[in-house]
Amino acid sequence: MIEVTREKFEELVAEALDTIPSDLTGTMSNIVVTVVDDPPEPDLLGLYTGIPLTERGDWYSAVLPDRIEIYRNAICQICDTEEDVIEEVRITVVHEIGHHFGIDDARLHELGW
């Protein structure tokens, strides 16, 4: 396990978001990404909550933003070095953004995320 301050971890999440190609981030809509210290259940590194872009229709308006939570302590717990944390944050951010685009866990795992 490695200790990473919340401030540093938030920077790592921001850096991971910056690696997402702009043609993808430009299509993301009504979503917020936050760092949360602890997951609501064990073994969870991140969580997407919302309505994926692929499921939104004409009815979709005036709703709360979708939410991606990245769990700091859970990621730090499985990592031994800061480099491990950087990589795991990137993987988790990409994985959860994949859910925003309507990609399920099975397909994300096939793709290596």
PDB file of N, CA and C in Angstrom:
ATOM      1  N   MET A   1       0.855  -1.190   0.000  1.00  0.00           N
ATOM      2  CA  MET A   1       0.000   0.000   0.000  1.00  0.00           C
ATOM      3  C   MET A   1       0.891   1.239   0.000  1.00  0.00           C
ATOM      4  N   ILE A   2       0.432   2.244  -0.699  1.00  0.00           N
ATOM      5  CA  ILE A   2       1.157   3.513  -0.756  1.00  0.00           C
ATOM      6  C   ILE A   2       0.215   4.627  -0.313  1.00  0.00           C
ATOM      7  N   GLU A   3       0.767   5.624   0.322  1.00  0.00           N
ATOM      8  CA  GLU A   3      -0.007   6.792   0.734  1.00  0.00           C
ATOM      9  C   GLU A   3       0.141   7.889  -0.317  1.00  0.00           C
ATOM     10  N   VAL A   4      -0.987   8.411  -0.766  1.00  0.00           N
ATOM     11  CA  VAL A   4      -1.009   9.542  -1.696  1.00  0.00           C
ATOM     12  C   VAL A   4      -2.007  10.546  -1.134  1.00  0.00           C
ATOM     13  N   THR A   5      -1.574  11.786  -0.981  1.00  0.00           N
ATOM     14  CA  THR A   5      -2.483  12.793  -0.434  1.00  0.00           C
ATOM     15  C   THR A   5      -3.665  12.982  -1.369  1.00  0.00           C
ATOM     16  N   ARG A   6      -4.733  13.474  -0.812  1.00  0.00           N
ATOM     17  CA  ARG A   6      -5.927  13.730  -1.620  1.00  0.00           C
ATOM     18  C   ARG A   6      -5.608  14.718  -2.731  1.00  0.00           C
ATOM     19  N   GLU A   7      -4.859  15.768  -2.405  1.00  0.00           N
ATOM     20  CA  GLU A   7      -4.505  16.776  -3.405  1.00  0.00           C
ATOM     21  C   GLU A   7      -3.726  16.153  -4.564  1.00  0.00           C
ATOM     22  N   LYS A   8      -2.731  15.340  -4.252  1.00  0.00           N
ATOM     23  CA  LYS A   8      -1.932  14.686  -5.280  1.00  0.00           C
ATOM     24  C   LYS A   8      -2.788  13.721  -6.094  1.00  0.00           C
ATOM     25  N   PHE A   9      -3.664  12.991  -5.418  1.00  0.00           N
ATOM     26  CA  PHE A   9      -4.532  12.034  -6.100  1.00  0.00           C
ATOM     27  C   PHE A   9      -5.474  12.754  -7.065  1.00  0.00           C
ATOM     28  N   GLU A  10      -6.023  13.891  -6.632  1.00  0.00           N
ATOM     29  CA  GLU A  10      -6.886  14.678  -7.515  1.00  0.00           C
ATOM     30  C   GLU A  10      -6.113  15.147  -8.748  1.00  0.00           C
ATOM     31  N   GLU A  11      -4.841  15.490  -8.568  1.00  0.00           N
ATOM     32  CA  GLU A  11      -3.997  15.868  -9.706  1.00  0.00           C
ATOM     33  C   GLU A  11      -3.828  14.693 -10.668  1.00  0.00           C
ATOM     34  N   LEU A  12      -3.643  13.492 -10.111  1.00  0.00           N
ATOM     35  CA  LEU A  12      -3.489  12.310 -10.952  1.00  0.00           C
ATOM     36  C   LEU A  12      -4.760  12.024 -11.742  1.00  0.00           C
ATOM     37  N   VAL A  13      -5.911  12.219 -11.125  1.00  0.00           N
ATOM     38  CA  VAL A  13      -7.183  12.037 -11.840  1.00  0.00           C
ATOM     39  C   VAL A  13      -7.304  13.077 -12.952  1.00  0.00           C
ATOM     40  N   ALA A  14      -6.966  14.312 -12.655  1.00  0.00           N
ATOM     41  CA  ALA A  14      -7.018  15.374 -13.676  1.00  0.00           C
ATOM     42  C   ALA A  14      -6.064  15.054 -14.834  1.00  0.00           C
ATOM     43  N   GLU A  15      -4.881  14.563 -14.512  1.00  0.00           N
ATOM     44  CA  GLU A  15      -3.921  14.199 -15.552  1.00  0.00           C
ATOM     45  C   GLU A  15      -4.449  13.035 -16.394  1.00  0.00           C
ATOM     46  N   ALA A  16      -5.099  12.071 -15.751  1.00  0.00           N
ATOM     47  CA  ALA A  16      -5.684  10.949 -16.496  1.00  0.00           C
ATOM     48  C   ALA A  16      -6.780  11.449 -17.432  1.00  0.00           C
ATOM     49  N   LEU A  17      -7.591  12.381 -16.965  1.00  0.00           N
ATOM     50  CA  LEU A  17      -8.641  12.960 -17.817  1.00  0.00           C
ATOM     51  C   LEU A  17      -8.032  13.698 -19.006  1.00  0.00           C
ATOM     52  N   ASP A  18      -6.893  14.334 -18.784  1.00  0.00           N
ATOM     53  CA  ASP A  18      -6.223  15.062 -19.869  1.00  0.00           C
ATOM     54  C   ASP A  18      -5.703  14.142 -20.962  1.00  0.00           C
ATOM     55  N   THR A  19      -5.544  12.848 -20.669  1.00  0.00           N
ATOM     56  CA  THR A  19      -5.057  11.908 -21.680  1.00  0.00           C
ATOM     57  C   THR A  19      -6.169  11.397 -22.590  1.00  0.00           C
ATOM     58  N   ILE A  20      -7.412  11.682 -22.238  1.00  0.00           N
ATOM     59  CA  ILE A  20      -8.544  11.251 -23.071  1.00  0.00           C
ATOM     60  C   ILE A  20      -8.575  12.140 -24.311  1.00  0.00           C
ATOM     61  N   PRO A  21      -8.651  11.544 -25.491  1.00  0.00           N
ATOM     62  CA  PRO A  21      -8.665  12.354 -26.717  1.00  0.00           C
ATOM     63  C   PRO A  21      -9.818  13.367 -26.717  1.00  0.00           C
ATOM     64  N   SER A  22      -9.528  14.545 -27.232  1.00  0.00           N
ATOM     65  CA  SER A  22     -10.518  15.631 -27.215  1.00  0.00           C
ATOM     66  C   SER A  22     -11.760  15.305 -28.025  1.00  0.00           C
ATOM     67  N   ASP A  23     -11.652  14.458 -29.062  1.00  0.00           N
ATOM     68  CA  ASP A  23     -12.858  14.101 -29.807  1.00  0.00           C
ATOM     69  C   ASP A  23     -13.812  13.271 -28.950  1.00  0.00           C
ATOM     70  N   LEU A  24     -13.285  12.579 -27.922  1.00  0.00           N
ATOM     71  CA  LEU A  24     -14.160  11.861 -26.988  1.00  0.00           C
ATOM     72  C   LEU A  24     -14.674  12.781 -25.891  1.00  0.00           C
ATOM     73  N   THR A  25     -13.778  13.552 -25.286  1.00  0.00           N
ATOM     74  CA  THR A  25     -14.231  14.431 -24.203  1.00  0.00           C
ATOM     75  C   THR A  25     -15.216  15.466 -24.723  1.00  0.00           C
ATOM     76  N   GLY A  26     -15.094  15.821 -25.989  1.00  0.00           N
ATOM     77  CA  GLY A  26     -16.023  16.783 -26.583  1.00  0.00           C
ATOM     78  C   GLY A  26     -17.435  16.252 -26.697  1.00  0.00           C
ATOM     79  N   THR A  27     -17.589  14.936 -26.683  1.00  0.00           N
ATOM     80  CA  THR A  27     -18.924  14.357 -26.768  1.00  0.00           C
ATOM     81  C   THR A  27     -19.489  13.969 -25.406  1.00  0.00           C
ATOM     82  N   MET A  28     -18.651  14.038 -24.379  1.00  0.00           N
ATOM     83  CA  MET A  28     -19.145  13.752 -23.032  1.00  0.00           C
ATOM     84  C   MET A  28     -20.098  14.864 -22.617  1.00  0.00           C
ATOM     85  N   SER A  29     -21.161  14.474 -21.930  1.00  0.00           N
ATOM     86  CA  SER A  29     -22.194  15.461 -21.620  1.00  0.00           C
ATOM     87  C   SER A  29     -22.785  15.223 -20.239  1.00  0.00           C
ATOM     88  N   ASN A  30     -22.936  16.310 -19.490  1.00  0.00           N
ATOM     89  CA  ASN A  30     -23.622  16.285 -18.202  1.00  0.00           C
ATOM     90  C   ASN A  30     -23.009  15.243 -17.265  1.00  0.00           C
ATOM     91  N   ILE A  31     -21.714  15.393 -17.003  1.00  0.00           N
ATOM     92  CA  ILE A  31     -21.007  14.428 -16.158  1.00  0.00           C
ATOM     93  C   ILE A  31     -20.002  15.155 -15.269  1.00  0.00           C
ATOM     94  N   VAL A  32     -19.828  14.638 -14.070  1.00  0.00           N
ATOM     95  CA  VAL A  32     -18.844  15.174 -13.136  1.00  0.00           C
ATOM     96  C   VAL A  32     -17.970  14.013 -12.658  1.00  0.00           C
ATOM     97  N   VAL A  33     -16.675  14.278 -12.523  1.00  0.00           N
ATOM     98  CA  VAL A  33     -15.734  13.281 -12.024  1.00  0.00           C
ATOM     99  C   VAL A  33     -15.228  13.767 -10.672  1.00  0.00           C
ATOM    100  N   THR A  34     -15.339  12.908  -9.667  1.00  0.00           N
ATOM    101  CA  THR A  34     -14.928  13.289  -8.320  1.00  0.00           C
ATOM    102  C   THR A  34     -14.036  12.214  -7.704  1.00  0.00           C
ATOM    103  N   VAL A  35     -13.238  12.644  -6.746  1.00  0.00           N
ATOM    104  CA  VAL A  35     -12.430  11.734  -5.944  1.00  0.00           C
ATOM    105  C   VAL A  35     -13.155  11.538  -4.621  1.00  0.00           C
ATOM    106  N   VAL A  36     -13.313  10.288  -4.248  1.00  0.00           N
ATOM    107  CA  VAL A  36     -13.938   9.918  -2.976  1.00  0.00           C
ATOM    108  C   VAL A  36     -12.940   9.029  -2.251  1.00  0.00           C
ATOM    109  N   ASP A  37     -12.808   9.210  -0.960  1.00  0.00           N
ATOM    110  CA  ASP A  37     -11.818   8.432  -0.224  1.00  0.00           C
ATOM    111  C   ASP A  37     -12.115   6.938  -0.235  1.00  0.00           C
ATOM    112  N   ASP A  38     -13.320   6.533   0.134  1.00  0.00           N
ATOM    113  CA  ASP A  38     -13.622   5.113   0.288  1.00  0.00           C
ATOM    114  C   ASP A  38     -14.827   4.701  -0.550  1.00  0.00           C
ATOM    115  N   PRO A  39     -14.765   3.513  -1.140  1.00  0.00           N
ATOM    116  CA  PRO A  39     -15.876   3.021  -1.950  1.00  0.00           C
ATOM    117  C   PRO A  39     -17.047   2.569  -1.083  1.00  0.00           C
ATOM    118  N   PRO A  40     -18.242   2.510  -1.669  1.00  0.00           N
ATOM    119  CA  PRO A  40     -19.407   2.044  -0.920  1.00  0.00           C
ATOM    120  C   PRO A  40     -19.389   0.539  -0.668  1.00  0.00           C
ATOM    121  N   GLU A  41     -18.544  -0.175  -1.423  1.00  0.00           N
ATOM    122  CA  GLU A  41     -18.391  -1.615  -1.218  1.00  0.00           C
ATOM    123  C   GLU A  41     -16.948  -2.009  -1.515  1.00  0.00           C
ATOM    124  N   PRO A  42     -16.484  -3.110  -0.920  1.00  0.00           N
ATOM    125  CA  PRO A  42     -15.088  -3.521  -1.115  1.00  0.00           C
ATOM    126  C   PRO A  42     -14.768  -3.820  -2.582  1.00  0.00           C
ATOM    127  N   ASP A  43     -13.496  -3.708  -2.914  1.00  0.00           N
ATOM    128  CA  ASP A  43     -12.971  -4.072  -4.233  1.00  0.00           C
ATOM    129  C   ASP A  43     -13.443  -3.172  -5.376  1.00  0.00           C
ATOM    130  N   LEU A  44     -13.995  -2.024  -5.054  1.00  0.00           N
ATOM    131  CA  LEU A  44     -14.449  -1.082  -6.075  1.00  0.00           C
ATOM    132  C   LEU A  44     -13.414   0.043  -6.174  1.00  0.00           C
ATOM    133  N   LEU A  45     -12.875   0.265  -7.373  1.00  0.00           N
ATOM    134  CA  LEU A  45     -11.884   1.316  -7.573  1.00  0.00           C
ATOM    135  C   LEU A  45     -12.509   2.578  -8.143  1.00  0.00           C
ATOM    136  N   GLY A  46     -13.617   2.416  -8.846  1.00  0.00           N
ATOM    137  CA  GLY A  46     -14.333   3.538  -9.424  1.00  0.00           C
ATOM    138  C   GLY A  46     -15.775   3.136  -9.663  1.00  0.00           C
ATOM    139  N   LEU A  47     -16.629   4.129  -9.874  1.00  0.00           N
ATOM    140  CA  LEU A  47     -18.049   3.845 -10.092  1.00  0.00           C
ATOM    141  C   LEU A  47     -18.657   4.911 -10.977  1.00  0.00           C
ATOM    142  N   TYR A  48     -19.367   4.464 -12.014  1.00  0.00           N
ATOM    143  CA  TYR A  48     -20.139   5.360 -12.873  1.00  0.00           C
ATOM    144  C   TYR A  48     -21.594   5.231 -12.475  1.00  0.00           C
ATOM    145  N   THR A  49     -22.241   6.349 -12.229  1.00  0.00           N
ATOM    146  CA  THR A  49     -23.656   6.372 -11.920  1.00  0.00           C
ATOM    147  C   THR A  49     -24.304   7.376 -12.859  1.00  0.00           C
ATOM    148  N   GLY A  50     -25.299   6.939 -13.601  1.00  0.00           N
ATOM    149  CA  GLY A  50     -25.977   7.857 -14.504  1.00  0.00           C
ATOM    150  C   GLY A  50     -26.638   7.143 -15.658  1.00  0.00           C
ATOM    151  N   ILE A  51     -26.901   7.899 -16.691  1.00  0.00           N
ATOM    152  CA  ILE A  51     -27.547   7.381 -17.888  1.00  0.00           C
ATOM    153  C   ILE A  51     -26.543   7.503 -19.032  1.00  0.00           C
ATOM    154  N   PRO A  52     -26.046   6.365 -19.528  1.00  0.00           N
ATOM    155  CA  PRO A  52     -25.049   6.414 -20.597  1.00  0.00           C
ATOM    156  C   PRO A  52     -25.553   7.189 -21.817  1.00  0.00           C
ATOM    157  N   LEU A  53     -24.626   7.761 -22.541  1.00  0.00           N
ATOM    158  CA  LEU A  53     -24.982   8.533 -23.736  1.00  0.00           C
ATOM    159  C   LEU A  53     -25.816   7.716 -24.706  1.00  0.00           C
ATOM    160  N   THR A  54     -25.544   6.421 -24.795  1.00  0.00           N
ATOM    161  CA  THR A  54     -26.255   5.553 -25.735  1.00  0.00           C
ATOM    162  C   THR A  54     -27.700   5.295 -25.341  1.00  0.00           C
ATOM    163  N   GLU A  55     -28.083   5.636 -24.116  1.00  0.00           N
ATOM    164  CA  GLU A  55     -29.447   5.394 -23.644  1.00  0.00           C
ATOM    165  C   GLU A  55     -30.262   6.672 -23.491  1.00  0.00           C
ATOM    166  N   ARG A  56     -29.664   7.801 -23.792  1.00  0.00           N
ATOM    167  CA  ARG A  56     -30.370   9.068 -23.649  1.00  0.00           C
ATOM    168  C   ARG A  56     -31.236   9.330 -24.877  1.00  0.00           C
ATOM    169  N   GLY A  57     -32.418   9.809 -24.619  1.00  0.00           N
ATOM    170  CA  GLY A  57     -33.326  10.127 -25.718  1.00  0.00           C
ATOM    171  C   GLY A  57     -33.855  11.537 -25.584  1.00  0.00           C
ATOM    172  N   ASP A  58     -34.915  11.813 -26.304  1.00  0.00           N
ATOM    173  CA  ASP A  58     -35.541  13.128 -26.258  1.00  0.00           C
ATOM    174  C   ASP A  58     -36.018  13.492 -24.855  1.00  0.00           C
ATOM    175  N   TRP A  59     -36.327  12.500 -24.067  1.00  0.00           N
ATOM    176  CA  TRP A  59     -36.814  12.700 -22.710  1.00  0.00           C
ATOM    177  C   TRP A  59     -35.720  13.203 -21.774  1.00  0.00           C
ATOM    178  N   TYR A  60     -34.456  13.094 -22.190  1.00  0.00           N
ATOM    179  CA  TYR A  60     -33.335  13.408 -21.319  1.00  0.00           C
ATOM    180  C   TYR A  60     -33.110  14.914 -21.258  1.00  0.00           C
ATOM    181  N   SER A  61     -33.552  15.521 -20.155  1.00  0.00           N
ATOM    182  CA  SER A  61     -33.278  16.941 -19.911  1.00  0.00           C
ATOM    183  C   SER A  61     -33.528  17.232 -18.437  1.00  0.00           C
ATOM    184  N   ALA A  62     -32.904  18.260 -17.959  1.00  0.00           N
ATOM    185  CA  ALA A  62     -33.078  18.701 -16.568  1.00  0.00           C
ATOM    186  C   ALA A  62     -32.867  17.566 -15.573  1.00  0.00           C
ATOM    187  N   VAL A  63     -31.797  16.793 -15.785  1.00  0.00           N
ATOM    188  CA  VAL A  63     -31.457  15.728 -14.842  1.00  0.00           C
ATOM    189  C   VAL A  63     -30.122  16.066 -14.196  1.00  0.00           C
ATOM    190  N   LEU A  64     -29.901  15.502 -13.032  1.00  0.00           N
ATOM    191  CA  LEU A  64     -28.621  15.699 -12.360  1.00  0.00           C
ATOM    192  C   LEU A  64     -27.509  15.109 -13.213  1.00  0.00           C
ATOM    193  N   PRO A  65     -26.308  15.640 -13.097  1.00  0.00           N
ATOM    194  CA  PRO A  65     -25.209  15.100 -13.898  1.00  0.00           C
ATOM    195  C   PRO A  65     -24.896  13.649 -13.546  1.00  0.00           C
ATOM    196  N   ASP A  66     -24.443  12.901 -14.566  1.00  0.00           N
ATOM    197  CA  ASP A  66     -23.875  11.597 -14.308  1.00  0.00           C
ATOM    198  C   ASP A  66     -22.665  11.827 -13.405  1.00  0.00           C
ATOM    199  N   ARG A  67     -22.262  10.755 -12.726  1.00  0.00           N
ATOM    200  CA  ARG A  67     -21.180  10.908 -11.763  1.00  0.00           C
ATOM    201  C   ARG A  67     -20.188   9.762 -11.909  1.00  0.00           C
ATOM    202  N   ILE A  68     -18.921  10.119 -11.972  1.00  0.00           N
ATOM    203  CA  ILE A  68     -17.848   9.134 -11.890  1.00  0.00           C
ATOM    204  C   ILE A  68     -17.111   9.406 -10.590  1.00  0.00           C
ATOM    205  N   GLU A  69     -17.038   8.382  -9.754  1.00  0.00           N
ATOM    206  CA  GLU A  69     -16.291   8.478  -8.509  1.00  0.00           C
ATOM    207  C   GLU A  69     -15.048   7.604  -8.638  1.00  0.00           C
ATOM    208  N   ILE A  70     -13.906   8.155  -8.272  1.00  0.00           N
ATOM    209  CA  ILE A  70     -12.645   7.420  -8.254  1.00  0.00           C
ATOM    210  C   ILE A  70     -12.233   7.300  -6.786  1.00  0.00           C
ATOM    211  N   TYR A  71     -12.022   6.062  -6.320  1.00  0.00           N
ATOM    212  CA  TYR A  71     -11.829   5.802  -4.896  1.00  0.00           C
ATOM    213  C   TYR A  71     -10.342   5.757  -4.526  1.00  0.00           C
ATOM    214  N   ARG A  72      -9.913   6.823  -3.870  1.00  0.00           N
ATOM    215  CA  ARG A  72      -8.503   7.027  -3.537  1.00  0.00           C
ATOM    216  C   ARG A  72      -7.925   5.897  -2.682  1.00  0.00           C
ATOM    217  N   ASN A  73      -8.539   5.607  -1.558  1.00  0.00           N
ATOM    218  CA  ASN A  73      -7.959   4.619  -0.639  1.00  0.00           C
ATOM    219  C   ASN A  73      -7.937   3.222  -1.246  1.00  0.00           C
ATOM    220  N   ALA A  74      -8.953   2.868  -2.006  1.00  0.00           N
ATOM    221  CA  ALA A  74      -8.998   1.546  -2.630  1.00  0.00           C
ATOM    222  C   ALA A  74      -7.873   1.388  -3.648  1.00  0.00           C
ATOM    223  N   ILE A  75      -7.627   2.429  -4.428  1.00  0.00           N
ATOM    224  CA  ILE A  75      -6.540   2.363  -5.406  1.00  0.00           C
ATOM    225  C   ILE A  75      -5.192   2.338  -4.696  1.00  0.00           C
ATOM    226  N   CYS A  76      -5.008   3.192  -3.715  1.00  0.00           N
ATOM    227  CA  CYS A  76      -3.729   3.215  -2.994  1.00  0.00           C
ATOM    228  C   CYS A  76      -3.464   1.894  -2.292  1.00  0.00           C
ATOM    229  N   GLN A  77      -4.514   1.242  -1.847  1.00  0.00           N
ATOM    230  CA  GLN A  77      -4.360  -0.019  -1.122  1.00  0.00           C
ATOM    231  C   GLN A  77      -3.794  -1.124  -2.012  1.00  0.00           C
ATOM    232  N   ILE A  78      -4.086  -1.108  -3.304  1.00  0.00           N
ATOM    233  CA  ILE A  78      -3.609  -2.187  -4.177  1.00  0.00           C
ATOM    234  C   ILE A  78      -2.291  -1.843  -4.880  1.00  0.00           C
ATOM    235  N   CYS A  79      -1.765  -0.645  -4.618  1.00  0.00           N
ATOM    236  CA  CYS A  79      -0.553  -0.192  -5.301  1.00  0.00           C
ATOM    237  C   CYS A  79       0.642  -0.143  -4.347  1.00  0.00           C
ATOM    238  N   ASP A  80       1.825  -0.401  -4.922  1.00  0.00           N
ATOM    239  CA  ASP A  80       3.059  -0.371  -4.133  1.00  0.00           C
ATOM    240  C   ASP A  80       3.902   0.867  -4.389  1.00  0.00           C
ATOM    241  N   THR A  81       3.703   1.496  -5.553  1.00  0.00           N
ATOM    242  CA  THR A  81       4.504   2.662  -5.908  1.00  0.00           C
ATOM    243  C   THR A  81       3.604   3.756  -6.469  1.00  0.00           C
ATOM    244  N   GLU A  82       4.146   4.968  -6.540  1.00  0.00           N
ATOM    245  CA  GLU A  82       3.373   6.057  -7.133  1.00  0.00           C
ATOM    246  C   GLU A  82       3.103   5.785  -8.610  1.00  0.00           C
ATOM    247  N   GLU A  83       4.045   5.133  -9.286  1.00  0.00           N
ATOM    248  CA  GLU A  83       3.836   4.776 -10.691  1.00  0.00           C
ATOM    249  C   GLU A  83       2.657   3.821 -10.844  1.00  0.00           C
ATOM    250  N   ASP A  84       2.517   2.875  -9.892  1.00  0.00           N
ATOM    251  CA  ASP A  84       1.365   1.973  -9.903  1.00  0.00           C
ATOM    252  C   ASP A  84       0.067   2.758  -9.744  1.00  0.00           C
ATOM    253  N   VAL A  85       0.073   3.739  -8.850  1.00  0.00           N
ATOM    254  CA  VAL A  85      -1.120   4.562  -8.625  1.00  0.00           C
ATOM    255  C   VAL A  85      -1.471   5.329  -9.891  1.00  0.00           C
ATOM    256  N   ILE A  86      -0.477   5.921 -10.526  1.00  0.00           N
ATOM    257  CA  ILE A  86      -0.714   6.682 -11.759  1.00  0.00           C
ATOM    258  C   ILE A  86      -1.374   5.790 -12.804  1.00  0.00           C
ATOM    259  N   GLU A  87      -0.854   4.586 -12.984  1.00  0.00           N
ATOM    260  CA  GLU A  87      -1.402   3.657 -13.982  1.00  0.00           C
ATOM    261  C   GLU A  87      -2.810   3.201 -13.608  1.00  0.00           C
ATOM    262  N   GLU A  88      -3.025   2.873 -12.336  1.00  0.00           N
ATOM    263  CA  GLU A  88      -4.341   2.396 -11.911  1.00  0.00           C
ATOM    264  C   GLU A  88      -5.389   3.498 -12.000  1.00  0.00           C
ATOM    265  N   VAL A  89      -5.013   4.727 -11.683  1.00  0.00           N
ATOM    266  CA  VAL A  89      -5.937   5.857 -11.832  1.00  0.00           C
ATOM    267  C   VAL A  89      -6.324   6.005 -13.296  1.00  0.00           C
ATOM    268  N   ARG A  90      -5.347   5.940 -14.184  1.00  0.00           N
ATOM    269  CA  ARG A  90      -5.628   6.083 -15.618  1.00  0.00           C
ATOM    270  C   ARG A  90      -6.570   4.982 -16.103  1.00  0.00           C
ATOM    271  N   ILE A  91      -6.283   3.752 -15.716  1.00  0.00           N
ATOM    272  CA  ILE A  91      -7.137   2.630 -16.116  1.00  0.00           C
ATOM    273  C   ILE A  91      -8.550   2.813 -15.584  1.00  0.00           C
ATOM    274  N   THR A  92      -8.664   3.197 -14.329  1.00  0.00           N
ATOM    275  CA  THR A  92      -9.981   3.352 -13.704  1.00  0.00           C
ATOM    276  C   THR A  92     -10.765   4.491 -14.339  1.00  0.00           C
ATOM    277  N   VAL A  93     -10.113   5.613 -14.601  1.00  0.00           N
ATOM    278  CA  VAL A  93     -10.785   6.749 -15.236  1.00  0.00           C
ATOM    279  C   VAL A  93     -11.293   6.352 -16.620  1.00  0.00           C
ATOM    280  N   VAL A  94     -10.443   5.714 -17.413  1.00  0.00           N
ATOM    281  CA  VAL A  94     -10.857   5.296 -18.762  1.00  0.00           C
ATOM    282  C   VAL A  94     -12.001   4.290 -18.676  1.00  0.00           C
ATOM    283  N   HIS A  95     -11.914   3.354 -17.754  1.00  0.00           N
ATOM    284  CA  HIS A  95     -12.957   2.344 -17.571  1.00  0.00           C
ATOM    285  C   HIS A  95     -14.313   3.003 -17.272  1.00  0.00           C
ATOM    286  N   GLU A  96     -14.323   3.930 -16.337  1.00  0.00           N
ATOM    287  CA  GLU A  96     -15.586   4.571 -15.952  1.00  0.00           C
ATOM    288  C   GLU A  96     -16.116   5.476 -17.060  1.00  0.00           C
ATOM    289  N   ILE A  97     -15.241   6.136 -17.789  1.00  0.00           N
ATOM    290  CA  ILE A  97     -15.682   6.937 -18.935  1.00  0.00           C
ATOM    291  C   ILE A  97     -16.283   6.020 -19.992  1.00  0.00           C
ATOM    292  N   GLY A  98     -15.724   4.835 -20.133  1.00  0.00           N
ATOM    293  CA  GLY A  98     -16.303   3.854 -21.051  1.00  0.00           C
ATOM    294  C   GLY A  98     -17.755   3.580 -20.720  1.00  0.00           C
ATOM    295  N   HIS A  99     -18.078   3.473 -19.439  1.00  0.00           N
ATOM    296  CA  HIS A  99     -19.476   3.271 -19.038  1.00  0.00           C
ATOM    297  C   HIS A  99     -20.337   4.460 -19.454  1.00  0.00           C
ATOM    298  N   HIS A 100     -19.812   5.659 -19.380  1.00  0.00           N
ATOM    299  CA  HIS A 100     -20.547   6.853 -19.812  1.00  0.00           C
ATOM    300  C   HIS A 100     -20.921   6.743 -21.288  1.00  0.00           C
ATOM    301  N   PHE A 101     -20.058   6.081 -22.065  1.00  0.00           N
ATOM    302  CA  PHE A 101     -20.318   5.884 -23.486  1.00  0.00           C
ATOM    303  C   PHE A 101     -21.126   4.614 -23.764  1.00  0.00           C
ATOM    304  N   GLY A 102     -21.585   3.956 -22.699  1.00  0.00           N
ATOM    305  CA  GLY A 102     -22.449   2.793 -22.866  1.00  0.00           C
ATOM    306  C   GLY A 102     -21.731   1.468 -23.042  1.00  0.00           C
ATOM    307  N   ILE A 103     -20.448   1.419 -22.736  1.00  0.00           N
ATOM    308  CA  ILE A 103     -19.677   0.185 -22.878  1.00  0.00           C
ATOM    309  C   ILE A 103     -19.761  -0.586 -21.558  1.00  0.00           C
ATOM    310  N   ASP A 104     -20.148  -1.867 -21.642  1.00  0.00           N
ATOM    311  CA  ASP A 104     -20.305  -2.655 -20.415  1.00  0.00           C
ATOM    312  C   ASP A 104     -18.964  -3.224 -19.937  1.00  0.00           C
ATOM    313  N   ASP A 105     -18.976  -3.770 -18.724  1.00  0.00           N
ATOM    314  CA  ASP A 105     -17.746  -4.286 -18.103  1.00  0.00           C
ATOM    315  C   ASP A 105     -17.077  -5.359 -18.953  1.00  0.00           C
ATOM    316  N   ALA A 106     -17.866  -6.276 -19.504  1.00  0.00           N
ATOM    317  CA  ALA A 106     -17.280  -7.363 -20.287  1.00  0.00           C
ATOM    318  C   ALA A 106     -16.473  -6.816 -21.466  1.00  0.00           C
ATOM    319  N   ARG A 107     -17.045  -5.867 -22.191  1.00  0.00           N
ATOM    320  CA  ARG A 107     -16.349  -5.294 -23.346  1.00  0.00           C
ATOM    321  C   ARG A 107     -15.136  -4.484 -22.911  1.00  0.00           C
ATOM    322  N   LEU A 108     -15.257  -3.720 -21.835  1.00  0.00           N
ATOM    323  CA  LEU A 108     -14.124  -2.952 -21.329  1.00  0.00           C
ATOM    324  C   LEU A 108     -12.962  -3.878 -20.951  1.00  0.00           C
ATOM    325  N   HIS A 109     -13.270  -5.004 -20.333  1.00  0.00           N
ATOM    326  CA  HIS A 109     -12.220  -5.953 -19.974  1.00  0.00           C
ATOM    327  C   HIS A 109     -11.590  -6.561 -21.221  1.00  0.00           C
ATOM    328  N   GLU A 110     -12.403  -6.845 -22.238  1.00  0.00           N
ATOM    329  CA  GLU A 110     -11.864  -7.343 -23.508  1.00  0.00           C
ATOM    330  C   GLU A 110     -10.876  -6.352 -24.100  1.00  0.00           C
ATOM    331  N   LEU A 111     -11.184  -5.065 -23.945  1.00  0.00           N
ATOM    332  CA  LEU A 111     -10.340  -4.007 -24.480  1.00  0.00           C
ATOM    333  C   LEU A 111      -9.139  -3.696 -23.588  1.00  0.00           C
ATOM    334  N   GLY A 112      -9.065  -4.342 -22.431  1.00  0.00           N
ATOM    335  CA  GLY A 112      -7.940  -4.130 -21.528  1.00  0.00           C
ATOM    336  C   GLY A 112      -8.162  -3.049 -20.495  1.00  0.00           C
ATOM    337  N   TRP A 113      -9.379  -2.613 -20.332  1.00  0.00           N
ATOM    338  CA  TRP A 113      -9.698  -1.563 -19.360  1.00  0.00           C
ATOM    339  C   TRP A 113     -10.520  -2.154 -18.240  1.00  0.00           C
TER     340      TRP A 113
END
